[in-house]
Each structure stands twice: as structure tokens, then as C-alpha cells.
N, C-alpha and C. Protein backbone atom coordinates (compact mmCIF):
# COMPACT_ATOMS: atom_id res chain seq x y z
N UNK A 1 88.32 25.49 76.00
CA UNK A 1 89.45 26.03 75.25
C UNK A 1 89.46 27.55 75.39
N UNK A 2 90.58 28.09 75.73
CA UNK A 2 90.68 29.53 75.93
C UNK A 2 90.74 30.24 74.60
N UNK A 3 89.85 31.21 74.39
CA UNK A 3 89.85 31.92 73.11
C UNK A 3 91.12 32.74 72.93
N UNK A 4 91.56 32.77 71.71
CA UNK A 4 92.74 33.56 71.38
C UNK A 4 92.30 34.94 70.93
N UNK A 5 92.82 35.96 71.58
CA UNK A 5 92.45 37.33 71.25
C UNK A 5 93.28 37.82 70.08
N UNK A 6 92.65 38.53 69.23
CA UNK A 6 93.34 39.11 68.08
C UNK A 6 94.10 40.34 68.54
N UNK A 7 95.42 40.26 68.50
CA UNK A 7 96.24 41.37 69.01
C UNK A 7 96.06 42.63 68.19
N UNK A 8 95.61 42.50 66.96
CA UNK A 8 95.44 43.68 66.13
C UNK A 8 94.25 44.52 66.58
N UNK A 9 93.32 43.86 67.33
CA UNK A 9 92.13 44.58 67.77
C UNK A 9 92.30 45.18 69.17
N UNK A 10 93.37 44.83 69.86
CA UNK A 10 93.60 45.32 71.22
C UNK A 10 94.47 46.56 71.15
N UNK A 11 93.99 47.70 71.61
CA UNK A 11 94.81 48.93 71.54
C UNK A 11 95.99 48.84 72.48
N UNK A 12 97.12 49.41 72.11
CA UNK A 12 98.30 49.38 72.99
C UNK A 12 98.03 50.20 74.25
N UNK A 13 98.66 49.84 75.36
CA UNK A 13 98.45 50.60 76.60
C UNK A 13 98.94 52.04 76.45
N UNK A 14 98.21 52.95 77.07
CA UNK A 14 98.58 54.36 77.02
C UNK A 14 99.76 54.63 77.94
N UNK A 15 100.72 55.39 77.48
CA UNK A 15 101.89 55.75 78.27
C UNK A 15 101.81 57.22 78.65
N UNK A 16 102.08 57.49 79.91
CA UNK A 16 102.11 58.86 80.38
C UNK A 16 103.51 59.43 80.17
N UNK A 17 103.59 60.53 79.49
CA UNK A 17 104.88 61.15 79.23
C UNK A 17 104.90 62.54 79.85
N UNK A 18 106.06 62.95 80.31
CA UNK A 18 106.18 64.26 80.96
C UNK A 18 106.47 65.37 79.97
N UNK A 19 106.91 64.99 78.76
CA UNK A 19 107.24 66.00 77.77
C UNK A 19 105.95 66.53 77.12
N UNK A 20 106.00 67.77 76.68
CA UNK A 20 104.85 68.34 76.00
C UNK A 20 105.33 69.31 74.94
N UNK A 21 104.46 69.56 73.99
CA UNK A 21 104.81 70.45 72.89
C UNK A 21 104.57 71.88 73.34
N UNK A 22 105.64 72.64 73.49
CA UNK A 22 105.54 74.03 73.97
C UNK A 22 105.65 75.03 72.84
N UNK A 23 105.54 74.55 71.61
CA UNK A 23 105.77 75.45 70.48
C UNK A 23 104.75 76.57 70.40
N UNK A 24 103.53 76.31 70.89
CA UNK A 24 102.50 77.34 70.80
C UNK A 24 102.35 78.17 72.05
N UNK A 25 103.11 77.84 73.10
CA UNK A 25 102.95 78.54 74.37
C UNK A 25 103.75 79.82 74.39
N UNK A 26 104.89 79.82 73.72
CA UNK A 26 105.81 80.96 73.81
C UNK A 26 105.14 82.26 73.42
N UNK A 27 104.33 82.25 72.39
CA UNK A 27 103.71 83.47 71.92
C UNK A 27 102.73 84.04 72.95
N UNK A 28 102.19 83.19 73.79
CA UNK A 28 101.18 83.63 74.75
C UNK A 28 101.79 84.26 75.99
N UNK A 29 102.94 83.80 76.41
CA UNK A 29 103.51 84.22 77.69
C UNK A 29 104.76 85.09 77.56
N UNK A 30 105.19 85.38 76.34
CA UNK A 30 106.37 86.20 76.13
C UNK A 30 106.04 87.35 75.18
N UNK A 31 106.72 88.48 75.42
CA UNK A 31 106.59 89.59 74.49
C UNK A 31 105.25 90.32 74.58
N UNK A 32 104.86 90.91 73.49
CA UNK A 32 103.69 91.80 73.48
C UNK A 32 102.37 91.09 73.71
N UNK A 33 102.34 89.77 73.60
CA UNK A 33 101.11 89.03 73.88
C UNK A 33 100.89 88.81 75.36
N UNK A 34 101.87 89.17 76.18
CA UNK A 34 101.77 88.97 77.62
C UNK A 34 101.33 90.27 78.31
N UNK A 35 100.38 90.16 79.23
CA UNK A 35 99.92 91.33 79.99
C UNK A 35 101.04 91.88 80.86
N UNK A 36 101.83 90.97 81.46
CA UNK A 36 102.91 91.43 82.34
C UNK A 36 103.97 92.20 81.57
N UNK A 37 104.14 91.87 80.28
CA UNK A 37 105.10 92.60 79.45
C UNK A 37 104.68 94.06 79.34
N UNK A 38 103.40 94.30 79.10
CA UNK A 38 102.90 95.67 79.00
C UNK A 38 103.00 96.40 80.34
N UNK A 39 102.77 95.67 81.43
CA UNK A 39 102.93 96.29 82.74
C UNK A 39 104.36 96.72 83.00
N UNK A 40 105.30 95.89 82.58
CA UNK A 40 106.72 96.23 82.74
C UNK A 40 107.08 97.44 81.89
N UNK A 41 106.59 97.48 80.67
CA UNK A 41 106.85 98.63 79.80
C UNK A 41 106.28 99.91 80.40
N UNK A 42 105.06 99.81 80.95
CA UNK A 42 104.45 100.99 81.58
C UNK A 42 105.27 101.50 82.74
N UNK A 43 105.79 100.59 83.57
CA UNK A 43 106.62 101.00 84.69
C UNK A 43 107.91 101.64 84.19
N UNK A 44 108.50 101.10 83.13
CA UNK A 44 109.71 101.67 82.57
C UNK A 44 109.47 103.09 82.06
N UNK A 45 108.32 103.32 81.44
CA UNK A 45 107.99 104.66 80.94
C UNK A 45 107.88 105.65 82.10
N UNK A 46 107.20 105.24 83.16
CA UNK A 46 107.02 106.12 84.33
C UNK A 46 108.37 106.45 84.96
N UNK A 47 109.17 105.43 85.22
CA UNK A 47 110.46 105.65 85.87
C UNK A 47 111.44 106.38 84.95
N UNK A 48 111.36 106.10 83.66
CA UNK A 48 112.21 106.84 82.72
C UNK A 48 111.88 108.31 82.70
N UNK A 49 110.59 108.62 82.76
CA UNK A 49 110.16 110.03 82.78
C UNK A 49 110.63 110.71 84.07
N UNK A 50 110.62 109.98 85.18
CA UNK A 50 111.09 110.55 86.45
C UNK A 50 112.57 110.89 86.37
N UNK A 51 113.36 110.00 85.76
CA UNK A 51 114.78 110.29 85.59
C UNK A 51 115.01 111.49 84.68
N UNK A 52 114.19 111.61 83.63
CA UNK A 52 114.30 112.76 82.73
C UNK A 52 114.00 114.05 83.48
N UNK A 53 113.01 114.03 84.36
CA UNK A 53 112.69 115.22 85.17
C UNK A 53 113.86 115.59 86.07
N UNK A 54 114.49 114.59 86.67
CA UNK A 54 115.64 114.87 87.54
C UNK A 54 116.79 115.48 86.73
N UNK A 55 117.02 114.95 85.55
CA UNK A 55 118.10 115.48 84.72
C UNK A 55 117.77 116.88 84.23
N UNK A 56 116.50 117.13 83.92
CA UNK A 56 116.09 118.48 83.52
C UNK A 56 116.29 119.48 84.65
N UNK A 57 115.94 119.07 85.88
CA UNK A 57 116.14 119.94 87.04
C UNK A 57 117.63 120.20 87.27
N UNK A 58 118.45 119.19 87.03
CA UNK A 58 119.90 119.33 87.20
C UNK A 58 120.44 120.44 86.30
N UNK A 59 120.09 120.40 85.03
CA UNK A 59 120.60 121.41 84.09
C UNK A 59 119.94 122.77 84.29
N UNK A 60 118.72 122.78 84.78
CA UNK A 60 118.07 124.06 85.09
C UNK A 60 118.79 124.76 86.25
N UNK A 61 119.14 124.00 87.27
CA UNK A 61 119.84 124.59 88.41
C UNK A 61 121.26 125.00 88.03
N UNK A 62 121.84 124.28 87.09
CA UNK A 62 123.21 124.60 86.67
C UNK A 62 123.31 126.01 86.10
N UNK A 63 122.31 126.41 85.31
CA UNK A 63 122.39 127.72 84.66
C UNK A 63 122.25 128.87 85.65
N UNK A 64 121.83 128.59 86.87
CA UNK A 64 121.69 129.64 87.89
C UNK A 64 122.94 129.79 88.76
N UNK A 65 123.98 129.01 88.47
CA UNK A 65 125.20 129.04 89.27
C UNK A 65 126.38 129.48 88.40
N UNK A 66 127.33 130.17 89.01
CA UNK A 66 128.53 130.57 88.29
C UNK A 66 129.47 129.39 88.07
N UNK A 67 129.51 128.53 89.05
CA UNK A 67 130.35 127.34 88.94
C UNK A 67 129.52 126.09 89.23
N UNK A 68 129.98 124.95 88.73
CA UNK A 68 129.23 123.70 88.94
C UNK A 68 130.22 122.54 89.08
N UNK A 69 130.35 122.03 90.29
CA UNK A 69 129.60 122.36 91.50
C UNK A 69 129.88 123.79 91.98
N UNK A 70 129.02 124.30 92.84
CA UNK A 70 129.23 125.66 93.34
C UNK A 70 130.56 125.78 94.10
N UNK A 71 130.94 127.00 94.35
CA UNK A 71 132.22 127.27 95.02
C UNK A 71 132.31 126.54 96.35
N UNK A 72 133.50 126.03 96.64
CA UNK A 72 133.84 125.27 97.86
C UNK A 72 133.13 123.92 97.93
N UNK A 73 132.58 123.46 96.83
CA UNK A 73 131.99 122.12 96.77
C UNK A 73 132.90 121.25 95.91
N UNK A 74 133.45 120.17 96.46
CA UNK A 74 134.41 119.35 95.70
C UNK A 74 133.74 118.58 94.56
N UNK A 75 134.54 118.24 93.58
CA UNK A 75 134.04 117.41 92.49
C UNK A 75 133.74 116.00 93.00
N UNK A 76 132.77 115.35 92.41
CA UNK A 76 132.48 113.98 92.85
C UNK A 76 133.60 113.02 92.49
N UNK A 77 133.70 111.97 93.26
CA UNK A 77 134.71 110.95 92.99
C UNK A 77 134.34 110.17 91.73
N UNK A 78 135.33 109.60 91.06
CA UNK A 78 135.08 108.84 89.84
C UNK A 78 135.25 107.33 90.02
N UNK A 79 136.05 106.92 90.99
CA UNK A 79 136.40 105.51 91.11
C UNK A 79 135.19 104.65 91.46
N UNK A 80 134.53 104.99 92.57
CA UNK A 80 133.39 104.18 93.03
C UNK A 80 132.24 104.19 92.01
N UNK A 81 131.85 105.35 91.46
CA UNK A 81 130.77 105.32 90.46
C UNK A 81 131.12 104.51 89.21
N UNK A 82 132.37 104.55 88.79
CA UNK A 82 132.77 103.78 87.61
C UNK A 82 132.69 102.28 87.89
N UNK A 83 133.12 101.87 89.08
CA UNK A 83 132.99 100.46 89.46
C UNK A 83 131.51 100.08 89.55
N UNK A 84 130.69 100.99 90.08
CA UNK A 84 129.26 100.74 90.17
C UNK A 84 128.65 100.53 88.79
N UNK A 85 129.03 101.36 87.83
CA UNK A 85 128.53 101.20 86.47
C UNK A 85 128.99 99.87 85.88
N UNK A 86 130.23 99.49 86.15
CA UNK A 86 130.75 98.22 85.64
C UNK A 86 129.97 97.04 86.19
N UNK A 87 129.64 97.09 87.47
CA UNK A 87 128.87 95.99 88.06
C UNK A 87 127.46 95.92 87.47
N UNK A 88 126.90 97.07 87.15
CA UNK A 88 125.58 97.07 86.51
C UNK A 88 125.65 96.45 85.12
N UNK A 89 126.69 96.79 84.37
CA UNK A 89 126.84 96.22 83.04
C UNK A 89 127.04 94.70 83.10
N UNK A 90 127.82 94.24 84.07
CA UNK A 90 128.06 92.81 84.21
C UNK A 90 126.79 92.05 84.59
N UNK A 91 125.88 92.73 85.25
CA UNK A 91 124.63 92.09 85.65
C UNK A 91 123.79 91.66 84.45
N UNK A 92 124.03 92.27 83.30
CA UNK A 92 123.27 91.92 82.10
C UNK A 92 123.55 90.49 81.65
N UNK A 93 124.70 89.95 82.02
CA UNK A 93 125.05 88.59 81.59
C UNK A 93 124.16 87.54 82.24
N UNK A 94 124.10 87.46 83.58
CA UNK A 94 123.28 86.40 84.17
C UNK A 94 121.79 86.56 83.91
N UNK A 95 121.27 87.78 83.91
CA UNK A 95 119.83 87.94 83.69
C UNK A 95 119.46 87.62 82.25
N UNK A 96 120.35 87.91 81.30
CA UNK A 96 120.09 87.56 79.91
C UNK A 96 120.13 86.05 79.72
N UNK A 97 121.03 85.38 80.42
CA UNK A 97 121.09 83.92 80.35
C UNK A 97 119.84 83.31 80.98
N UNK A 98 119.36 83.90 82.07
CA UNK A 98 118.13 83.40 82.69
C UNK A 98 116.95 83.54 81.74
N UNK A 99 116.89 84.67 81.03
CA UNK A 99 115.81 84.87 80.07
C UNK A 99 115.91 83.88 78.92
N UNK A 100 117.11 83.58 78.48
CA UNK A 100 117.29 82.61 77.40
C UNK A 100 116.81 81.23 77.84
N UNK A 101 117.17 80.83 79.06
CA UNK A 101 116.71 79.55 79.58
C UNK A 101 115.20 79.53 79.75
N UNK A 102 114.62 80.68 80.13
CA UNK A 102 113.16 80.74 80.30
C UNK A 102 112.44 80.51 78.98
N UNK A 103 112.97 81.05 77.91
CA UNK A 103 112.34 80.87 76.59
C UNK A 103 112.49 79.44 76.09
N UNK A 104 113.38 78.68 76.69
CA UNK A 104 113.53 77.26 76.36
C UNK A 104 112.81 76.37 77.37
N UNK A 105 112.11 76.98 78.31
CA UNK A 105 111.36 76.25 79.35
C UNK A 105 112.30 75.37 80.17
N UNK A 106 113.50 75.88 80.42
CA UNK A 106 114.51 75.15 81.20
C UNK A 106 114.48 75.66 82.64
N UNK A 107 113.71 74.99 83.48
CA UNK A 107 113.55 75.45 84.86
C UNK A 107 114.84 75.42 85.65
N UNK A 108 115.64 74.35 85.50
CA UNK A 108 116.90 74.25 86.23
C UNK A 108 117.86 75.35 85.79
N UNK A 109 117.90 75.63 84.50
CA UNK A 109 118.77 76.70 84.01
C UNK A 109 118.34 78.06 84.53
N UNK A 110 117.03 78.29 84.60
CA UNK A 110 116.51 79.55 85.13
C UNK A 110 116.90 79.70 86.59
N UNK A 111 116.74 78.63 87.36
CA UNK A 111 117.09 78.69 88.79
C UNK A 111 118.56 79.02 88.98
N UNK A 112 119.41 78.41 88.18
CA UNK A 112 120.86 78.64 88.32
C UNK A 112 121.23 80.10 88.02
N UNK A 113 120.72 80.63 86.92
CA UNK A 113 121.09 81.99 86.53
C UNK A 113 120.37 83.04 87.37
N UNK A 114 119.18 82.72 87.86
CA UNK A 114 118.50 83.67 88.76
C UNK A 114 119.25 83.79 90.08
N UNK A 115 119.81 82.68 90.56
CA UNK A 115 120.59 82.74 91.80
C UNK A 115 121.79 83.66 91.64
N UNK A 116 122.46 83.56 90.49
CA UNK A 116 123.61 84.44 90.24
C UNK A 116 123.15 85.89 90.12
N UNK A 117 122.04 86.10 89.42
CA UNK A 117 121.51 87.46 89.26
C UNK A 117 121.14 88.06 90.60
N UNK A 118 120.51 87.27 91.45
CA UNK A 118 120.09 87.77 92.75
C UNK A 118 121.29 88.17 93.60
N UNK A 119 122.34 87.36 93.57
CA UNK A 119 123.56 87.71 94.31
C UNK A 119 124.18 88.98 93.74
N UNK A 120 124.15 89.12 92.42
CA UNK A 120 124.73 90.31 91.80
C UNK A 120 123.91 91.55 92.10
N UNK A 121 122.60 91.39 92.28
CA UNK A 121 121.76 92.52 92.69
C UNK A 121 122.22 93.10 94.02
N UNK A 122 122.61 92.23 94.92
CA UNK A 122 123.11 92.70 96.22
C UNK A 122 124.40 93.48 96.06
N UNK A 123 125.25 93.04 95.11
CA UNK A 123 126.48 93.78 94.82
C UNK A 123 126.13 95.16 94.29
N UNK A 124 125.17 95.23 93.36
CA UNK A 124 124.75 96.52 92.80
C UNK A 124 124.23 97.45 93.89
N UNK A 125 123.44 96.91 94.80
CA UNK A 125 122.88 97.75 95.86
C UNK A 125 123.97 98.25 96.79
N UNK A 126 124.92 97.38 97.11
CA UNK A 126 126.03 97.81 97.97
C UNK A 126 126.87 98.89 97.32
N UNK A 127 127.13 98.77 96.02
CA UNK A 127 127.89 99.79 95.31
C UNK A 127 127.12 101.10 95.25
N UNK A 128 125.80 101.02 95.12
CA UNK A 128 125.02 102.26 95.07
C UNK A 128 125.06 102.99 96.41
N UNK A 129 125.01 102.25 97.50
CA UNK A 129 125.10 102.87 98.83
C UNK A 129 126.46 103.58 98.97
N UNK A 130 127.52 102.92 98.52
CA UNK A 130 128.85 103.54 98.57
C UNK A 130 128.93 104.75 97.65
N UNK A 131 128.14 104.73 96.61
CA UNK A 131 128.19 105.81 95.62
C UNK A 131 127.69 107.14 96.18
N UNK A 132 126.79 107.08 97.14
CA UNK A 132 126.32 108.34 97.74
C UNK A 132 127.46 109.07 98.43
N UNK A 133 128.36 108.31 99.04
CA UNK A 133 129.53 108.94 99.65
C UNK A 133 130.47 109.53 98.61
N UNK A 134 130.48 108.92 97.41
CA UNK A 134 131.36 109.40 96.34
C UNK A 134 130.90 110.74 95.77
N UNK A 135 129.65 111.15 96.06
CA UNK A 135 129.19 112.46 95.61
C UNK A 135 129.95 113.59 96.30
N UNK A 136 130.44 113.31 97.51
CA UNK A 136 131.28 114.25 98.28
C UNK A 136 130.55 115.55 98.59
N UNK A 137 129.24 115.44 98.79
CA UNK A 137 128.44 116.60 99.17
C UNK A 137 127.19 116.08 99.88
N UNK A 138 126.74 116.80 100.89
CA UNK A 138 125.50 116.44 101.56
C UNK A 138 124.30 116.89 100.74
N UNK A 139 123.18 116.22 100.96
CA UNK A 139 121.98 116.56 100.19
C UNK A 139 121.45 117.94 100.54
N UNK A 140 121.77 118.44 101.75
CA UNK A 140 121.23 119.73 102.19
C UNK A 140 122.28 120.84 102.15
N UNK A 141 123.41 120.61 101.48
CA UNK A 141 124.45 121.63 101.41
C UNK A 141 124.04 122.79 100.52
N UNK A 142 123.54 122.49 99.34
CA UNK A 142 123.11 123.50 98.38
C UNK A 142 122.21 122.82 97.34
N UNK A 143 121.81 123.60 96.33
CA UNK A 143 120.92 123.05 95.29
C UNK A 143 121.61 121.92 94.53
N UNK A 144 122.91 122.09 94.30
CA UNK A 144 123.67 121.04 93.62
C UNK A 144 123.60 119.73 94.39
N UNK A 145 123.85 119.80 95.69
CA UNK A 145 123.80 118.60 96.52
C UNK A 145 122.42 117.95 96.51
N UNK A 146 121.39 118.77 96.54
CA UNK A 146 120.03 118.24 96.57
C UNK A 146 119.69 117.48 95.28
N UNK A 147 120.06 118.05 94.14
CA UNK A 147 119.66 117.43 92.88
C UNK A 147 120.49 116.19 92.58
N UNK A 148 121.78 116.17 92.93
CA UNK A 148 122.57 114.97 92.66
C UNK A 148 122.12 113.82 93.56
N UNK A 149 121.78 114.14 94.80
CA UNK A 149 121.26 113.10 95.69
C UNK A 149 119.90 112.60 95.21
N UNK A 150 119.03 113.51 94.77
CA UNK A 150 117.70 113.11 94.31
C UNK A 150 117.79 112.22 93.07
N UNK A 151 118.68 112.57 92.14
CA UNK A 151 118.82 111.79 90.92
C UNK A 151 119.38 110.40 91.22
N UNK A 152 120.41 110.35 92.05
CA UNK A 152 121.01 109.06 92.38
C UNK A 152 120.04 108.20 93.19
N UNK A 153 119.28 108.83 94.08
CA UNK A 153 118.31 108.09 94.88
C UNK A 153 117.20 107.52 93.99
N UNK A 154 116.79 108.29 92.99
CA UNK A 154 115.74 107.82 92.10
C UNK A 154 116.19 106.55 91.37
N UNK A 155 117.43 106.52 90.91
CA UNK A 155 117.91 105.31 90.24
C UNK A 155 118.19 104.19 91.25
N UNK A 156 118.58 104.54 92.47
CA UNK A 156 118.78 103.52 93.50
C UNK A 156 117.47 102.81 93.80
N UNK A 157 116.37 103.54 93.73
CA UNK A 157 115.06 102.92 93.93
C UNK A 157 114.80 101.85 92.87
N UNK A 158 115.24 102.08 91.65
CA UNK A 158 115.06 101.10 90.59
C UNK A 158 115.86 99.83 90.89
N UNK A 159 117.06 99.99 91.41
CA UNK A 159 117.88 98.84 91.78
C UNK A 159 117.20 98.03 92.88
N UNK A 160 116.66 98.74 93.87
CA UNK A 160 115.98 98.07 94.97
C UNK A 160 114.73 97.35 94.48
N UNK A 161 113.97 98.00 93.62
CA UNK A 161 112.77 97.38 93.06
C UNK A 161 113.12 96.12 92.29
N UNK A 162 114.19 96.18 91.49
CA UNK A 162 114.61 95.03 90.71
C UNK A 162 115.07 93.89 91.61
N UNK A 163 115.70 94.24 92.73
CA UNK A 163 116.13 93.22 93.69
C UNK A 163 114.93 92.44 94.22
N UNK A 164 113.87 93.15 94.62
CA UNK A 164 112.68 92.48 95.15
C UNK A 164 111.95 91.70 94.06
N UNK A 165 111.92 92.25 92.86
CA UNK A 165 111.25 91.55 91.77
C UNK A 165 111.97 90.24 91.45
N UNK A 166 113.29 90.29 91.32
CA UNK A 166 114.05 89.09 91.03
C UNK A 166 113.94 88.08 92.16
N UNK A 167 113.96 88.57 93.41
CA UNK A 167 113.84 87.66 94.56
C UNK A 167 112.48 86.97 94.56
N UNK A 168 111.42 87.70 94.21
CA UNK A 168 110.09 87.09 94.18
C UNK A 168 109.99 86.01 93.11
N UNK A 169 110.53 86.29 91.93
CA UNK A 169 110.50 85.29 90.85
C UNK A 169 111.36 84.09 91.23
N UNK A 170 112.55 84.36 91.78
CA UNK A 170 113.45 83.27 92.16
C UNK A 170 112.82 82.37 93.22
N UNK A 171 112.09 82.96 94.16
CA UNK A 171 111.45 82.17 95.21
C UNK A 171 110.47 81.17 94.62
N UNK A 172 109.72 81.60 93.63
CA UNK A 172 108.76 80.70 92.98
C UNK A 172 109.50 79.53 92.32
N UNK A 173 110.60 79.83 91.64
CA UNK A 173 111.34 78.77 90.95
C UNK A 173 112.07 77.86 91.93
N UNK A 174 112.63 78.43 93.00
CA UNK A 174 113.34 77.60 93.96
C UNK A 174 112.39 76.65 94.70
N UNK A 175 111.13 77.03 94.81
CA UNK A 175 110.12 76.17 95.44
C UNK A 175 109.48 75.23 94.42
N UNK A 176 109.95 75.29 93.17
CA UNK A 176 109.44 74.43 92.09
C UNK A 176 107.93 74.59 91.92
N UNK A 177 107.47 75.83 92.02
CA UNK A 177 106.06 76.13 91.84
C UNK A 177 105.83 76.98 90.59
N UNK A 178 106.79 77.00 89.69
CA UNK A 178 106.70 77.87 88.53
C UNK A 178 105.62 77.40 87.56
N UNK A 179 105.00 78.36 86.90
CA UNK A 179 104.03 78.10 85.85
C UNK A 179 104.55 78.73 84.56
N UNK A 180 103.78 78.58 83.49
CA UNK A 180 104.19 79.18 82.22
C UNK A 180 104.36 80.69 82.36
N UNK A 181 103.49 81.32 83.14
CA UNK A 181 103.57 82.78 83.31
C UNK A 181 104.85 83.19 84.01
N UNK A 182 105.36 82.35 84.91
CA UNK A 182 106.58 82.69 85.63
C UNK A 182 107.79 82.68 84.70
N UNK A 183 107.78 81.81 83.70
CA UNK A 183 108.86 81.84 82.70
C UNK A 183 108.82 83.16 81.93
N UNK A 184 107.61 83.61 81.62
CA UNK A 184 107.48 84.91 80.97
C UNK A 184 107.93 86.05 81.85
N UNK A 185 107.70 85.91 83.18
CA UNK A 185 108.14 86.96 84.13
C UNK A 185 109.64 87.09 84.15
N UNK A 186 110.37 85.99 83.97
CA UNK A 186 111.83 86.05 83.91
C UNK A 186 112.26 86.88 82.71
N UNK A 187 111.61 86.67 81.59
CA UNK A 187 111.93 87.44 80.38
C UNK A 187 111.63 88.92 80.58
N UNK A 188 110.52 89.23 81.25
CA UNK A 188 110.17 90.62 81.54
C UNK A 188 111.19 91.26 82.47
N UNK A 189 111.66 90.48 83.45
CA UNK A 189 112.66 91.00 84.39
C UNK A 189 113.96 91.34 83.67
N UNK A 190 114.31 90.52 82.68
CA UNK A 190 115.52 90.81 81.90
C UNK A 190 115.36 92.10 81.11
N UNK A 191 114.19 92.31 80.53
CA UNK A 191 113.94 93.55 79.79
C UNK A 191 114.05 94.76 80.71
N UNK A 192 113.49 94.64 81.91
CA UNK A 192 113.56 95.74 82.87
C UNK A 192 115.00 96.00 83.30
N UNK A 193 115.80 94.94 83.45
CA UNK A 193 117.19 95.11 83.85
C UNK A 193 117.98 95.86 82.78
N UNK A 194 117.73 95.56 81.52
CA UNK A 194 118.39 96.30 80.45
C UNK A 194 118.03 97.79 80.52
N UNK A 195 116.77 98.09 80.79
CA UNK A 195 116.36 99.49 80.96
C UNK A 195 117.09 100.12 82.14
N UNK A 196 117.15 99.39 83.25
CA UNK A 196 117.80 99.89 84.47
C UNK A 196 119.25 100.25 84.22
N UNK A 197 119.96 99.39 83.50
CA UNK A 197 121.37 99.60 83.26
C UNK A 197 121.61 100.71 82.24
N UNK A 198 120.90 100.65 81.12
CA UNK A 198 121.11 101.66 80.07
C UNK A 198 120.69 103.05 80.54
N UNK A 199 119.68 103.13 81.41
CA UNK A 199 119.24 104.43 81.91
C UNK A 199 120.28 105.09 82.80
N UNK A 200 121.15 104.28 83.41
CA UNK A 200 122.14 104.86 84.31
C UNK A 200 123.32 105.47 83.55
N UNK A 201 123.54 105.07 82.31
CA UNK A 201 124.70 105.59 81.57
C UNK A 201 124.64 107.11 81.41
N UNK A 202 123.53 107.70 80.92
CA UNK A 202 123.50 109.17 80.86
C UNK A 202 123.52 109.82 82.24
N UNK A 203 122.95 109.17 83.24
CA UNK A 203 122.99 109.70 84.61
C UNK A 203 124.43 109.72 85.11
N UNK A 204 125.15 108.65 84.84
CA UNK A 204 126.57 108.57 85.23
C UNK A 204 127.38 109.70 84.59
N UNK A 205 127.18 109.92 83.29
CA UNK A 205 127.90 110.99 82.60
C UNK A 205 127.55 112.35 83.18
N UNK A 206 126.26 112.56 83.45
CA UNK A 206 125.81 113.85 83.96
C UNK A 206 126.36 114.13 85.36
N UNK A 207 126.30 113.14 86.24
CA UNK A 207 126.69 113.37 87.63
C UNK A 207 128.19 113.46 87.83
N UNK A 208 128.97 112.70 87.07
CA UNK A 208 130.38 112.57 87.39
C UNK A 208 131.33 113.17 86.35
N UNK A 209 130.88 113.33 85.12
CA UNK A 209 131.76 113.89 84.10
C UNK A 209 131.39 115.31 83.71
N UNK A 210 130.09 115.61 83.67
CA UNK A 210 129.67 116.96 83.28
C UNK A 210 130.28 118.04 84.18
N UNK A 211 130.34 117.87 85.53
CA UNK A 211 130.97 118.90 86.35
C UNK A 211 132.43 119.13 86.01
N UNK A 212 133.10 118.15 85.42
CA UNK A 212 134.50 118.30 85.05
C UNK A 212 134.68 119.00 83.71
N UNK A 213 133.58 119.11 82.95
CA UNK A 213 133.65 119.75 81.65
C UNK A 213 133.21 121.22 81.69
N UNK A 214 132.65 121.65 82.83
CA UNK A 214 132.12 123.01 82.91
C UNK A 214 132.97 123.86 83.82
């Protein structure tokens, strides 16, 4: 006679589930608890100080000239730089959405918004290249030309750096090799983008509007 097993004594089979509780992970990989967050802040401080030095040099050179721009130097164009600023402001939308998806551990959402951000980075870089022509002065024409080129180039470097950073993060996600730290990197990239965009507003005013007020 086959013995009857007591079903109450037999444990139910274990099921493998793909979902996990991420409630405690966010604090570790986002914000001030993340090492990469502090690295991003440090880079922002360094680059922000460089822009401040360029702006200080701009106003120092201005006081040594009777006119600004100097005589026979045309005023910079406004159309291209204004469009460039607009494209930078619009870039805040996709990168902010990518960061929001990252905080929800939504890999597909991050991939979608990072792709848009990466394409928009190329637009920003193209507009910046066109913007050098909008200065309407060569870098070696006079002190004015040198400082406006140096200031714009310094911020262009930030755009280029952000392009490579976003591309590196996107590559990891597109290959489906992302880890918890990579989700935090998306959030850090969004913070850096906000710095990049907001830092250009006073530069834009200084380069393109200040000469019209003096």
C-alpha cells in the first residue's frame, strides 16, 4: 500500500521571481550617498570656476578699451546664439525624464530618453560650432576677440564632455549591461546637464547683450 503523504508537511515549491524590492537601493546609488555624485559636483565646481575666470578677464579687458567691442569690430550676431540657448534649454526635458526613469529603475524608459538626449547633444554641439561664426570676430583680431573665443570655447568643452558622458552611459544601457550604479550615473548626468545649461545663461548675456549696452 502506498503511503499517503501529509500535504501540510511538504513545503511548497520555490518560485523564482524577477522582481525585487528596490526601496533600500535608491539611497545608496543616488544623491549624496553616491561617490559618483560627489565626483560630478567636484567637476562642476572646477568648470564653474573656469567660467568665472573667463568672465572676470572679459570685464577686466573691457575697462582698458574706449569701446566694446573695440573700434571697427562688429557686434556679435544674436540669432544663432539665441537659438543655441533655446536648444540647450530644451535639452533639459529628455535628460530630466531619463533621470526620473532611472530613479524608478525603468531600464527601457532610460534607454528611450537617453537616445533622445544623445541626439539632442549633437544638435547642441552643431549650434555651438555655428555660434563661433556668430561672434563676427577672429580670435587673434584683438583682446576682445581672444576673450570671447576663449569663453565660448570653454563652455563648448562642457558640451563636448557631456556628449561623451551621455554616450558612454547610453552604450551600457543599450547593451543591457546596466547595474544599479549606472542608474545613479544617469541621475548624475542630469544634474551636470542642468549646471551646463544654467551656466551658459550669464555667458550668453555677457557675450551678446553686454556689448549692446555699453
